Amino acid sequence: MDMNKQLCISSAAVLSLTTLLMCSLVQAKTAVVYFSKFENSVSPTVDSVTQASYHPSSKLGSSAYVANIIAKTNSSDVYPIRVKSPYPDSFEETIERNHSEQNRGTRPELISVPDLTPYDTIYLGFPVWNMRVPQAVVSFLATENLKGKRVIPFCTHDGYGCASAFGSLNRFLPQSQVEKDGFQLSSADLDSAPTRVSAWLKRFVPDAQASSLRKISCTVGGRKLTIELNNTPEAMEFYRQLPLKARMGEFGGREFYGPMPGKINAVSKGQYTFEDGTLTYCPTNDTVAIFYAQSTRPHLSMAVYPMGKVTSDLSVFNELKSYEVFEFTK
């Protein structure tokens, strides 16, 4: 069985570190939620885990250790997932219980579930148990409302990779934007975790730097526009697809729109109004648009998802041809 066996030396050390992890920025937009066997054993001892699954200097199991690194890097709040009925100290007995839970679809009762309403992005971590997501995590996903949120998974394992664990998250989170590029780390490679996690996190747009990193450029008709993106899942997906070109046509004296080159999974709430300068995505006809006029008559026939706003002079739109190629770049 591929189970990441995480425990710590003493419960006192765990409680102390967990308290420290939860004392992060109050205004943080990201949260790290993780499950580990360490916080969920009757009386954890280092004898019940392999040395590869334990990080001596941090006194944490592998998943908790990675969660700690992510939280410190992003200044995120941290929430451990804890079951009401702890898992046995014996690793073999834990395997038996896990098999039973997965085969029967049992969802362990949790002690408490955090309120994740204030957060836009959730880093979700867990050990891979029997090639799958632990049922405690399934309980969390069934209880917590993550609709419209970006979920970025990470996992630790004993050498067999994430298997089907990451792919199964879409089934539990149909209305969330689940990041495909999750992080996975073998317990044998814990010493390299800080470097690997840091490199992986650079692939995403850190919320703490959103105001500077999400300003993009758009070149059209020999002119350059400045656009500031919103902090939404749709805007993040658009940002990750840059650079891109879209052939857009003028419509109704109010907008330029055209086919979106790449697919965007719209999970936020759409709207039928707009403001001048708004960059939008419409999933109904898979188009990207920039509205530049007539915000006094903003009612639309199809829902659009605002992704940002042009902050430069909008008068250039009156000088463009009926069809133009818009080139969006970081």
C-alpha atoms as a PDB file:
ATOM      1  CA  MET A   1       0.000   0.000   0.000  1.00  0.00           C
ATOM      2  CA  ASP A   2       1.263   3.468  -0.859  1.00  0.00           C
ATOM      3  CA  MET A   3       0.629   5.375   2.356  1.00  0.00           C
ATOM      4  CA  ASN A   4       2.650   8.324   3.613  1.00  0.00           C
ATOM      5  CA  LYS A   5       3.230   7.582   7.286  1.00  0.00           C
ATOM      6  CA  GLN A   6       3.474  10.952   9.028  1.00  0.00           C
ATOM      7  CA  LEU A   7       3.979  11.496  12.730  1.00  0.00           C
ATOM      8  CA  CYS A   8       5.899  13.747  15.090  1.00  0.00           C
ATOM      9  CA  ILE A   9       7.963  13.082  18.223  1.00  0.00           C
ATOM     10  CA  SER A  10       5.659  14.677  20.768  1.00  0.00           C
ATOM     11  CA  SER A  11       2.131  16.058  20.798  1.00  0.00           C
ATOM     12  CA  ALA A  12       3.345  19.080  22.764  1.00  0.00           C
ATOM     13  CA  ALA A  13       5.725  20.039  19.971  1.00  0.00           C
ATOM     14  CA  VAL A  14       2.947  19.654  17.425  1.00  0.00           C
ATOM     15  CA  LEU A  15       0.500  21.853  19.293  1.00  0.00           C
ATOM     16  CA  SER A  16       3.157  24.510  19.723  1.00  0.00           C
ATOM     17  CA  LEU A  17       4.049  24.571  16.037  1.00  0.00           C
ATOM     18  CA  THR A  18       0.424  24.459  14.897  1.00  0.00           C
ATOM     19  CA  THR A  19      -0.293  27.525  17.033  1.00  0.00           C
ATOM     20  CA  LEU A  20       2.672  29.280  15.465  1.00  0.00           C
ATOM     21  CA  LEU A  21       1.521  28.413  11.938  1.00  0.00           C
ATOM     22  CA  MET A  22      -1.945  29.845  12.507  1.00  0.00           C
ATOM     23  CA  CYS A  23      -0.569  33.225  13.611  1.00  0.00           C
ATOM     24  CA  SER A  24      -0.125  34.556  10.079  1.00  0.00           C
ATOM     25  CA  LEU A  25      -1.400  37.658   8.325  1.00  0.00           C
ATOM     26  CA  VAL A  26      -5.029  38.406   9.187  1.00  0.00           C
ATOM     27  CA  GLN A  27      -5.691  39.846   5.756  1.00  0.00           C
ATOM     28  CA  ALA A  28      -4.175  36.900   3.879  1.00  0.00           C
ATOM     29  CA  LYS A  29      -6.004  35.914   0.718  1.00  0.00           C
ATOM     30  CA  THR A  30      -4.532  32.416   0.646  1.00  0.00           C
ATOM     31  CA  ALA A  31      -4.968  29.561   3.081  1.00  0.00           C
ATOM     32  CA  VAL A  32      -3.104  26.283   3.444  1.00  0.00           C
ATOM     33  CA  VAL A  33      -5.289  23.357   4.506  1.00  0.00           C
ATOM     34  CA  TYR A  34      -3.646  19.998   5.069  1.00  0.00           C
ATOM     35  CA  PHE A  35      -4.201  16.545   6.503  1.00  0.00           C
ATOM     36  CA  SER A  36      -1.465  14.464   8.113  1.00  0.00           C
ATOM     37  CA  LYS A  37      -1.481  11.328  10.225  1.00  0.00           C
ATOM     38  CA  PHE A  38       0.605  13.156  12.795  1.00  0.00           C
ATOM     39  CA  GLU A  39      -2.217  15.334  14.148  1.00  0.00           C
ATOM     40  CA  ASN A  40      -4.613  12.444  13.737  1.00  0.00           C
ATOM     41  CA  SER A  41      -3.089   9.596  15.763  1.00  0.00           C
ATOM     42  CA  VAL A  42      -3.997   8.433  19.247  1.00  0.00           C
ATOM     43  CA  SER A  43      -0.507   8.919  20.678  1.00  0.00           C
ATOM     44  CA  PRO A  44       2.031   9.450  17.878  1.00  0.00           C
ATOM     45  CA  THR A  45       5.575   8.206  18.216  1.00  0.00           C
ATOM     46  CA  VAL A  46       8.438   8.282  15.755  1.00  0.00           C
ATOM     47  CA  ASP A  47       8.602   4.480  15.927  1.00  0.00           C
ATOM     48  CA  SER A  48       5.330   4.218  14.009  1.00  0.00           C
ATOM     49  CA  VAL A  49       6.686   5.904  10.871  1.00  0.00           C
ATOM     50  CA  THR A  50       9.579   5.373   8.512  1.00  0.00           C
ATOM     51  CA  GLN A  51      12.473   7.774   8.909  1.00  0.00           C
ATOM     52  CA  ALA A  52      11.880   8.954   5.334  1.00  0.00           C
ATOM     53  CA  SER A  53       8.408  10.232   6.315  1.00  0.00           C
ATOM     54  CA  TYR A  54       9.721  12.300   9.184  1.00  0.00           C
ATOM     55  CA  HIS A  55      11.657  15.573   9.050  1.00  0.00           C
ATOM     56  CA  PRO A  56      13.829  15.701  12.204  1.00  0.00           C
ATOM     57  CA  SER A  57      14.717  19.408  12.316  1.00  0.00           C
ATOM     58  CA  SER A  58      11.120  20.595  11.925  1.00  0.00           C
ATOM     59  CA  LYS A  59       9.672  17.714  13.969  1.00  0.00           C
ATOM     60  CA  LEU A  60       6.879  17.377  11.427  1.00  0.00           C
ATOM     61  CA  GLY A  61       5.590  14.696   9.126  1.00  0.00           C
ATOM     62  CA  SER A  62       6.144  15.268   5.422  1.00  0.00           C
ATOM     63  CA  SER A  63       2.769  16.782   4.442  1.00  0.00           C
ATOM     64  CA  ALA A  64       2.766  19.126   7.430  1.00  0.00           C
ATOM     65  CA  TYR A  65       6.348  20.107   6.624  1.00  0.00           C
ATOM     66  CA  VAL A  66       5.475  21.046   3.031  1.00  0.00           C
ATOM     67  CA  ALA A  67       2.388  22.926   4.252  1.00  0.00           C
ATOM     68  CA  ASN A  68       4.608  24.910   6.603  1.00  0.00           C
ATOM     69  CA  ILE A  69       6.943  25.915   3.755  1.00  0.00           C
ATOM     70  CA  ILE A  70       4.066  27.047   1.530  1.00  0.00           C
ATOM     71  CA  ALA A  71       2.492  29.042   4.356  1.00  0.00           C
ATOM     72  CA  LYS A  72       5.708  30.867   5.208  1.00  0.00           C
ATOM     73  CA  THR A  73       6.451  31.644   1.570  1.00  0.00           C
ATOM     74  CA  ASN A  74       2.982  33.050   0.843  1.00  0.00           C
ATOM     75  CA  SER A  75       2.208  34.466   4.313  1.00  0.00           C
ATOM     76  CA  SER A  76      -0.865  32.253   4.364  1.00  0.00           C
ATOM     77  CA  ASP A  77      -3.111  31.132   7.193  1.00  0.00           C
ATOM     78  CA  VAL A  78      -2.822  27.434   8.058  1.00  0.00           C
ATOM     79  CA  TYR A  79      -5.574  24.987   8.998  1.00  0.00           C
ATOM     80  CA  PRO A  80      -4.942  21.298   9.788  1.00  0.00           C
ATOM     81  CA  ILE A  81      -7.732  18.805   9.070  1.00  0.00           C
ATOM     82  CA  ARG A  82      -8.434  16.761  12.200  1.00  0.00           C
ATOM     83  CA  VAL A  83     -10.667  13.736  12.602  1.00  0.00           C
ATOM     84  CA  LYS A  84     -12.827  13.210  15.665  1.00  0.00           C
ATOM     85  CA  SER A  85     -11.744   9.577  15.973  1.00  0.00           C
ATOM     86  CA  PRO A  86      -7.915   9.421  15.743  1.00  0.00           C
ATOM     87  CA  TYR A  87      -6.204   6.789  13.655  1.00  0.00           C
ATOM     88  CA  PRO A  88      -4.427   3.907  15.467  1.00  0.00           C
ATOM     89  CA  ASP A  89      -0.783   4.292  16.428  1.00  0.00           C
ATOM     90  CA  SER A  90      -0.065   1.038  14.627  1.00  0.00           C
ATOM     91  CA  PHE A  91       0.683   1.653  10.977  1.00  0.00           C
ATOM     92  CA  GLU A  92      -0.771  -1.722   9.994  1.00  0.00           C
ATOM     93  CA  GLU A  93      -4.034  -0.945  11.807  1.00  0.00           C
ATOM     94  CA  THR A  94      -4.173   2.440  10.093  1.00  0.00           C
ATOM     95  CA  ILE A  95      -3.834   0.683   6.736  1.00  0.00           C
ATOM     96  CA  GLU A  96      -6.768  -1.572   7.614  1.00  0.00           C
ATOM     97  CA  ARG A  97      -8.938   1.363   8.683  1.00  0.00           C
ATOM     98  CA  ASN A  98      -8.051   3.347   5.576  1.00  0.00           C
ATOM     99  CA  HIS A  99      -8.906   0.406   3.296  1.00  0.00           C
ATOM    100  CA  SER A 100     -12.240   0.035   5.051  1.00  0.00           C
ATOM    101  CA  GLU A 101     -13.030   3.770   4.776  1.00  0.00           C
ATOM    102  CA  GLN A 102     -12.135   3.941   1.100  1.00  0.00           C
ATOM    103  CA  ASN A 103     -13.928   0.725   0.134  1.00  0.00           C
ATOM    104  CA  ARG A 104     -17.115   1.694   1.974  1.00  0.00           C
ATOM    105  CA  GLY A 105     -16.941   5.395   1.128  1.00  0.00           C
ATOM    106  CA  THR A 106     -16.892   6.244   4.829  1.00  0.00           C
ATOM    107  CA  ARG A 107     -16.265   9.900   5.619  1.00  0.00           C
ATOM    108  CA  PRO A 108     -14.635  10.367   9.037  1.00  0.00           C
ATOM    109  CA  GLU A 109     -16.244  12.995  11.226  1.00  0.00           C
ATOM    110  CA  LEU A 110     -14.048  16.069  11.631  1.00  0.00           C
ATOM    111  CA  ILE A 111     -13.433  17.991  14.847  1.00  0.00           C
ATOM    112  CA  SER A 112     -13.998  21.338  13.179  1.00  0.00           C
ATOM    113  CA  VAL A 113     -14.027  22.914   9.731  1.00  0.00           C
ATOM    114  CA  PRO A 114     -12.482  26.376   9.177  1.00  0.00           C
ATOM    115  CA  ASP A 115     -14.402  29.231   7.577  1.00  0.00           C
ATOM    116  CA  LEU A 116     -12.631  29.734   4.264  1.00  0.00           C
ATOM    117  CA  THR A 117     -15.009  32.415   2.971  1.00  0.00           C
ATOM    118  CA  PRO A 118     -12.375  35.220   3.054  1.00  0.00           C
ATOM    119  CA  TYR A 119      -9.885  33.296   0.911  1.00  0.00           C
ATOM    120  CA  ASP A 120      -9.557  33.283  -2.862  1.00  0.00           C
ATOM    121  CA  THR A 121      -6.951  30.525  -3.110  1.00  0.00           C
ATOM    122  CA  ILE A 122      -6.692  27.316  -1.083  1.00  0.00           C
ATOM    123  CA  TYR A 123      -3.554  25.160  -1.030  1.00  0.00           C
ATOM    124  CA  LEU A 124      -4.795  21.663  -0.189  1.00  0.00           C
ATOM    125  CA  GLY A 125      -2.277  19.087   1.015  1.00  0.00           C
ATOM    126  CA  PHE A 126      -2.379  15.446   2.031  1.00  0.00           C
ATOM    127  CA  PRO A 127      -0.420  12.175   1.968  1.00  0.00           C
ATOM    128  CA  VAL A 128      -1.363   9.719  -0.769  1.00  0.00           C
ATOM    129  CA  TRP A 129      -3.073   6.772   0.890  1.00  0.00           C
ATOM    130  CA  ASN A 130      -3.643   3.639  -1.162  1.00  0.00           C
ATOM    131  CA  MET A 131      -3.047   5.682  -4.341  1.00  0.00           C
ATOM    132  CA  ARG A 132      -5.928   7.988  -3.405  1.00  0.00           C
ATOM    133  CA  VAL A 133      -6.986  10.988  -1.355  1.00  0.00           C
ATOM    134  CA  PRO A 134      -7.493  10.124   2.342  1.00  0.00           C
ATOM    135  CA  GLN A 135     -11.165   9.958   3.312  1.00  0.00           C
ATOM    136  CA  ALA A 136     -10.596  12.662   5.918  1.00  0.00           C
ATOM    137  CA  VAL A 137      -9.870  15.053   3.043  1.00  0.00           C
ATOM    138  CA  VAL A 138     -13.016  13.856   1.266  1.00  0.00           C
ATOM    139  CA  SER A 139     -14.958  14.706   4.445  1.00  0.00           C
ATOM    140  CA  PHE A 140     -13.445  18.175   4.416  1.00  0.00           C
ATOM    141  CA  LEU A 141     -14.326  18.760   0.754  1.00  0.00           C
ATOM    142  CA  ALA A 142     -17.894  17.564   1.321  1.00  0.00           C
ATOM    143  CA  THR A 143     -18.322  19.916   4.278  1.00  0.00           C
ATOM    144  CA  GLU A 144     -16.533  23.045   3.075  1.00  0.00           C
ATOM    145  CA  ASN A 145     -17.995  25.336   0.399  1.00  0.00           C
ATOM    146  CA  LEU A 146     -15.167  26.053  -2.046  1.00  0.00           C
ATOM    147  CA  LYS A 147     -17.352  27.196  -4.942  1.00  0.00           C
ATOM    148  CA  GLY A 148     -15.579  29.739  -7.113  1.00  0.00           C
ATOM    149  CA  LYS A 149     -12.264  29.326  -5.321  1.00  0.00           C
ATOM    150  CA  ARG A 150      -8.928  28.322  -6.766  1.00  0.00           C
ATOM    151  CA  VAL A 151      -7.675  25.065  -5.240  1.00  0.00           C
ATOM    152  CA  ILE A 152      -3.996  24.187  -5.617  1.00  0.00           C
ATOM    153  CA  PRO A 153      -3.179  20.635  -4.466  1.00  0.00           C
ATOM    154  CA  PHE A 154       0.047  19.265  -3.059  1.00  0.00           C
ATOM    155  CA  CYS A 155       0.824  15.793  -1.788  1.00  0.00           C
ATOM    156  CA  THR A 156       3.544  13.647  -0.280  1.00  0.00           C
ATOM    157  CA  HIS A 157       4.031   9.975  -1.006  1.00  0.00           C
ATOM    158  CA  ASP A 158       6.349   7.025  -0.464  1.00  0.00           C
ATOM    159  CA  GLY A 159       7.667   6.835  -4.011  1.00  0.00           C
ATOM    160  CA  TYR A 160       4.649   6.055  -6.186  1.00  0.00           C
ATOM    161  CA  GLY A 161       3.590   9.608  -7.011  1.00  0.00           C
ATOM    162  CA  CYS A 162       0.150  11.139  -6.673  1.00  0.00           C
ATOM    163  CA  ALA A 163      -1.520   8.369  -8.750  1.00  0.00           C
ATOM    164  CA  SER A 164      -5.193   9.335  -9.230  1.00  0.00           C
ATOM    165  CA  ALA A 165      -5.336  11.620  -6.195  1.00  0.00           C
ATOM    166  CA  PHE A 166      -5.072  14.982  -7.983  1.00  0.00           C
ATOM    167  CA  GLY A 167      -7.405  13.970 -10.799  1.00  0.00           C
ATOM    168  CA  SER A 168     -10.128  12.893  -8.386  1.00  0.00           C
ATOM    169  CA  LEU A 169     -10.345  16.360  -6.840  1.00  0.00           C
ATOM    170  CA  ASN A 170     -12.357  17.643  -9.808  1.00  0.00           C
ATOM    171  CA  ARG A 171     -15.085  15.180  -8.893  1.00  0.00           C
ATOM    172  CA  PHE A 172     -15.299  16.577  -5.381  1.00  0.00           C
ATOM    173  CA  LEU A 173     -14.903  20.218  -6.500  1.00  0.00           C
ATOM    174  CA  PRO A 174     -16.956  20.656  -9.696  1.00  0.00           C
ATOM    175  CA  GLN A 175     -17.476  24.385  -9.109  1.00  0.00           C
ATOM    176  CA  SER A 176     -13.906  25.213  -8.103  1.00  0.00           C
ATOM    177  CA  GLN A 177     -10.870  25.885 -10.242  1.00  0.00           C
ATOM    178  CA  VAL A 178      -8.589  22.967  -9.424  1.00  0.00           C
ATOM    179  CA  GLU A 179      -5.010  23.615 -10.485  1.00  0.00           C
ATOM    180  CA  LYS A 180      -3.627  20.831 -12.659  1.00  0.00           C
ATOM    181  CA  ASP A 181      -0.024  21.620 -11.818  1.00  0.00           C
ATOM    182  CA  GLY A 182      -0.055  20.267  -8.263  1.00  0.00           C
ATOM    183  CA  PHE A 183       3.079  19.674  -6.216  1.00  0.00           C
ATOM    184  CA  GLN A 184       4.150  16.166  -5.255  1.00  0.00           C
ATOM    185  CA  LEU A 185       7.118  15.130  -3.173  1.00  0.00           C
ATOM    186  CA  SER A 186       8.490  11.755  -2.188  1.00  0.00           C
ATOM    187  CA  SER A 187       9.066  11.451   1.545  1.00  0.00           C
ATOM    188  CA  ALA A 188      12.637  10.426   0.745  1.00  0.00           C
ATOM    189  CA  ASP A 189      13.272  13.898  -0.715  1.00  0.00           C
ATOM    190  CA  LEU A 190      12.203  16.002   2.263  1.00  0.00           C
ATOM    191  CA  ASP A 191      15.582  17.715   2.573  1.00  0.00           C
ATOM    192  CA  SER A 192      15.107  19.284  -0.857  1.00  0.00           C
ATOM    193  CA  ALA A 193      11.538  20.391  -0.116  1.00  0.00           C
ATOM    194  CA  PRO A 194      12.290  24.117   0.495  1.00  0.00           C
ATOM    195  CA  THR A 195      14.004  24.497  -2.878  1.00  0.00           C
ATOM    196  CA  ARG A 196      11.434  22.455  -4.778  1.00  0.00           C
ATOM    197  CA  VAL A 197       8.443  24.152  -3.180  1.00  0.00           C
ATOM    198  CA  SER A 198       9.905  27.601  -3.852  1.00  0.00           C
ATOM    199  CA  ALA A 199      10.424  26.800  -7.538  1.00  0.00           C
ATOM    200  CA  TRP A 200       6.907  25.382  -7.831  1.00  0.00           C
ATOM    201  CA  LEU A 201       5.246  28.398  -6.195  1.00  0.00           C
ATOM    202  CA  LYS A 202       6.835  30.737  -8.739  1.00  0.00           C
ATOM    203  CA  ARG A 203       4.539  29.238 -11.373  1.00  0.00           C
ATOM    204  CA  PHE A 204       1.582  30.943  -9.758  1.00  0.00           C
ATOM    205  CA  VAL A 205       0.742  34.580  -9.152  1.00  0.00           C
ATOM    206  CA  PRO A 206       1.351  35.286  -5.436  1.00  0.00           C
ATOM    207  CA  ASP A 207      -1.635  37.139  -3.962  1.00  0.00           C
ATOM    208  CA  ALA A 208       0.642  39.319  -1.846  1.00  0.00           C
ATOM    209  CA  GLN A 209       2.117  40.767  -5.039  1.00  0.00           C
ATOM    210  CA  ALA A 210      -1.073  40.823  -7.096  1.00  0.00           C
ATOM    211  CA  SER A 211      -1.169  44.597  -7.586  1.00  0.00           C
ATOM    212  CA  SER A 212       2.167  44.614  -9.398  1.00  0.00           C
ATOM    213  CA  LEU A 213       2.248  41.203 -11.081  1.00  0.00           C
ATOM    214  CA  ARG A 214      -1.267  41.369 -12.526  1.00  0.00           C
ATOM    215  CA  LYS A 215      -0.726  44.516 -14.562  1.00  0.00           C
ATOM    216  CA  ILE A 216      -0.557  43.356 -18.160  1.00  0.00           C
ATOM    217  CA  SER A 217      -0.189  45.012 -21.559  1.00  0.00           C
ATOM    218  CA  CYS A 218      -2.322  44.856 -24.685  1.00  0.00           C
ATOM    219  CA  THR A 219      -1.010  45.984 -28.063  1.00  0.00           C
ATOM    220  CA  VAL A 220      -3.559  46.783 -30.782  1.00  0.00           C
ATOM    221  CA  GLY A 221      -3.362  48.920 -33.911  1.00  0.00           C
ATOM    222  CA  GLY A 222       0.116  50.098 -33.006  1.00  0.00           C
ATOM    223  CA  ARG A 223      -1.070  51.330 -29.608  1.00  0.00           C
ATOM    224  CA  LYS A 224      -0.326  49.946 -26.169  1.00  0.00           C
ATOM    225  CA  LEU A 225      -2.956  49.577 -23.464  1.00  0.00           C
ATOM    226  CA  THR A 226      -2.460  48.870 -19.767  1.00  0.00           C
ATOM    227  CA  ILE A 227      -4.819  46.433 -18.065  1.00  0.00           C
ATOM    228  CA  GLU A 228      -5.047  45.619 -14.361  1.00  0.00           C
ATOM    229  CA  LEU A 229      -6.430  42.139 -13.736  1.00  0.00           C
ATOM    230  CA  ASN A 230      -8.868  41.227 -10.987  1.00  0.00           C
ATOM    231  CA  ASN A 231      -8.158  38.717  -8.249  1.00  0.00           C
ATOM    232  CA  THR A 232     -10.530  36.060  -9.614  1.00  0.00           C
ATOM    233  CA  PRO A 233     -10.057  32.476 -10.849  1.00  0.00           C
ATOM    234  CA  GLU A 234     -10.926  33.528 -14.406  1.00  0.00           C
ATOM    235  CA  ALA A 235      -8.374  36.362 -14.368  1.00  0.00           C
ATOM    236  CA  MET A 236      -5.698  34.034 -12.972  1.00  0.00           C
ATOM    237  CA  GLU A 237      -6.365  31.506 -15.735  1.00  0.00           C
ATOM    238  CA  PHE A 238      -6.208  34.270 -18.362  1.00  0.00           C
ATOM    239  CA  TYR A 239      -2.907  35.466 -16.888  1.00  0.00           C
ATOM    240  CA  ARG A 240      -1.380  31.984 -17.045  1.00  0.00           C
ATOM    241  CA  GLN A 241      -2.233  31.709 -20.747  1.00  0.00           C
ATOM    242  CA  LEU A 242      -0.316  34.871 -21.672  1.00  0.00           C
ATOM    243  CA  PRO A 243       1.020  35.798 -24.127  1.00  0.00           C
ATOM    244  CA  LEU A 244      -1.946  35.316 -26.432  1.00  0.00           C
ATOM    245  CA  LYS A 245      -3.469  36.938 -29.504  1.00  0.00           C
ATOM    246  CA  ALA A 246      -7.174  37.354 -30.202  1.00  0.00           C
ATOM    247  CA  ARG A 247      -8.772  38.687 -33.387  1.00  0.00           C
ATOM    248  CA  MET A 248     -11.556  40.901 -32.114  1.00  0.00           C
ATOM    249  CA  GLY A 249     -14.272  42.794 -33.948  1.00  0.00           C
ATOM    250  CA  GLU A 250     -16.110  45.983 -33.011  1.00  0.00           C
ATOM    251  CA  PHE A 251     -19.735  45.613 -31.963  1.00  0.00           C
ATOM    252  CA  GLY A 252     -22.435  48.173 -31.250  1.00  0.00           C
ATOM    253  CA  GLY A 253     -20.099  51.072 -30.611  1.00  0.00           C
ATOM    254  CA  ARG A 254     -19.383  49.672 -27.176  1.00  0.00           C
ATOM    255  CA  GLU A 255     -17.002  46.704 -27.369  1.00  0.00           C
ATOM    256  CA  PHE A 256     -14.422  44.660 -29.227  1.00  0.00           C
ATOM    257  CA  TYR A 257     -14.856  40.902 -28.871  1.00  0.00           C
ATOM    258  CA  GLY A 258     -13.548  37.700 -30.411  1.00  0.00           C
ATOM    259  CA  PRO A 259     -12.822  33.998 -29.830  1.00  0.00           C
ATOM    260  CA  MET A 260     -10.745  33.208 -26.755  1.00  0.00           C
ATOM    261  CA  PRO A 261      -7.642  31.254 -27.935  1.00  0.00           C
ATOM    262  CA  GLY A 262      -7.548  29.110 -24.791  1.00  0.00           C
ATOM    263  CA  LYS A 263     -10.314  27.669 -22.641  1.00  0.00           C
ATOM    264  CA  ILE A 264     -11.167  29.327 -19.313  1.00  0.00           C
ATOM    265  CA  ASN A 265     -13.122  27.456 -16.645  1.00  0.00           C
ATOM    266  CA  ALA A 266     -15.600  30.058 -15.365  1.00  0.00           C
ATOM    267  CA  VAL A 267     -16.427  29.327 -11.730  1.00  0.00           C
ATOM    268  CA  SER A 268     -17.204  32.774 -10.287  1.00  0.00           C
ATOM    269  CA  LYS A 269     -20.561  34.526 -10.592  1.00  0.00           C
ATOM    270  CA  GLY A 270     -21.233  36.052 -14.005  1.00  0.00           C
ATOM    271  CA  GLN A 271     -22.976  39.377 -14.534  1.00  0.00           C
ATOM    272  CA  TYR A 272     -25.094  41.112 -17.183  1.00  0.00           C
ATOM    273  CA  THR A 273     -23.657  44.602 -16.780  1.00  0.00           C
ATOM    274  CA  PHE A 274     -20.285  46.230 -17.398  1.00  0.00           C
ATOM    275  CA  GLU A 275     -18.231  49.344 -16.793  1.00  0.00           C
ATOM    276  CA  ASP A 276     -16.264  51.169 -19.470  1.00  0.00           C
ATOM    277  CA  GLY A 277     -12.844  49.573 -19.880  1.00  0.00           C
ATOM    278  CA  THR A 278     -13.828  46.153 -18.516  1.00  0.00           C
ATOM    279  CA  LEU A 279     -12.025  43.066 -19.863  1.00  0.00           C
ATOM    280  CA  THR A 280     -14.431  40.118 -19.789  1.00  0.00           C
ATOM    281  CA  TYR A 281     -14.782  36.452 -20.659  1.00  0.00           C
ATOM    282  CA  CYS A 282     -18.068  34.945 -21.858  1.00  0.00           C
ATOM    283  CA  PRO A 283     -18.283  31.132 -21.515  1.00  0.00           C
ATOM    284  CA  THR A 284     -21.524  30.960 -23.521  1.00  0.00           C
ATOM    285  CA  ASN A 285     -19.717  31.682 -26.796  1.00  0.00           C
ATOM    286  CA  ASP A 286     -16.145  31.352 -25.472  1.00  0.00           C
ATOM    287  CA  THR A 287     -15.152  34.944 -26.238  1.00  0.00           C
ATOM    288  CA  VAL A 288     -12.973  37.627 -24.708  1.00  0.00           C
ATOM    289  CA  ALA A 289     -14.122  41.254 -24.899  1.00  0.00           C
ATOM    290  CA  ILE A 290     -13.176  44.779 -23.905  1.00  0.00           C
ATOM    291  CA  PHE A 291     -16.098  47.144 -23.292  1.00  0.00           C
ATOM    292  CA  TYR A 292     -15.070  50.730 -23.936  1.00  0.00           C
ATOM    293  CA  ALA A 293     -18.336  52.731 -24.063  1.00  0.00           C
ATOM    294  CA  GLN A 294     -22.069  52.823 -23.306  1.00  0.00           C
ATOM    295  CA  SER A 295     -21.790  51.827 -19.664  1.00  0.00           C
ATOM    296  CA  THR A 296     -24.927  53.946 -19.189  1.00  0.00           C
ATOM    297  CA  ARG A 297     -26.730  51.134 -21.058  1.00  0.00           C
ATOM    298  CA  PRO A 298     -24.864  48.159 -19.629  1.00  0.00           C
ATOM    299  CA  HIS A 299     -27.438  45.390 -19.928  1.00  0.00           C
ATOM    300  CA  LEU A 300     -26.221  42.282 -21.769  1.00  0.00           C
ATOM    301  CA  SER A 301     -28.001  39.214 -23.153  1.00  0.00           C
ATOM    302  CA  MET A 302     -25.299  36.784 -21.960  1.00  0.00           C
ATOM    303  CA  ALA A 303     -23.445  36.634 -18.652  1.00  0.00           C
ATOM    304  CA  VAL A 304     -19.844  37.829 -18.710  1.00  0.00           C
ATOM    305  CA  TYR A 305     -17.066  37.354 -16.183  1.00  0.00           C
ATOM    306  CA  PRO A 306     -15.007  40.507 -15.490  1.00  0.00           C
ATOM    307  CA  MET A 307     -11.278  39.717 -15.550  1.00  0.00           C
ATOM    308  CA  GLY A 308      -9.815  43.213 -15.340  1.00  0.00           C
ATOM    309  CA  LYS A 309      -9.992  46.797 -16.490  1.00  0.00           C
ATOM    310  CA  VAL A 310      -8.151  48.977 -18.982  1.00  0.00           C
ATOM    311  CA  THR A 311      -6.480  51.738 -16.962  1.00  0.00           C
ATOM    312  CA  SER A 312      -5.086  53.672 -19.939  1.00  0.00           C
ATOM    313  CA  ASP A 313      -6.921  56.072 -22.284  1.00  0.00           C
ATOM    314  CA  LEU A 314     -10.052  54.470 -23.777  1.00  0.00           C
ATOM    315  CA  SER A 315     -10.272  56.969 -26.646  1.00  0.00           C
ATOM    316  CA  VAL A 316      -7.936  54.757 -28.719  1.00  0.00           C
ATOM    317  CA  PHE A 317     -10.845  52.373 -29.319  1.00  0.00           C
ATOM    318  CA  ASN A 318     -12.572  55.024 -31.429  1.00  0.00           C
ATOM    319  CA  GLU A 319      -9.558  55.038 -33.769  1.00  0.00           C
ATOM    320  CA  LEU A 320      -9.362  51.291 -34.383  1.00  0.00           C
ATOM    321  CA  LYS A 321     -10.515  49.396 -37.470  1.00  0.00           C
ATOM    322  CA  SER A 322     -13.589  47.177 -37.424  1.00  0.00           C
ATOM    323  CA  TYR A 323     -11.367  44.137 -36.837  1.00  0.00           C
ATOM    324  CA  GLU A 324      -8.047  44.181 -34.992  1.00  0.00           C
ATOM    325  CA  VAL A 325      -5.623  41.685 -33.504  1.00  0.00           C
ATOM    326  CA  PHE A 326      -5.256  42.237 -29.765  1.00  0.00           C
ATOM    327  CA  GLU A 327      -1.978  40.924 -28.321  1.00  0.00           C
ATOM    328  CA  PHE A 328      -2.037  40.427 -24.541  1.00  0.00           C
ATOM    329  CA  THR A 329       1.329  40.088 -22.766  1.00  0.00           C
ATOM    330  CA  LYS A 330       2.674  40.055 -19.214  1.00  0.00           C
END
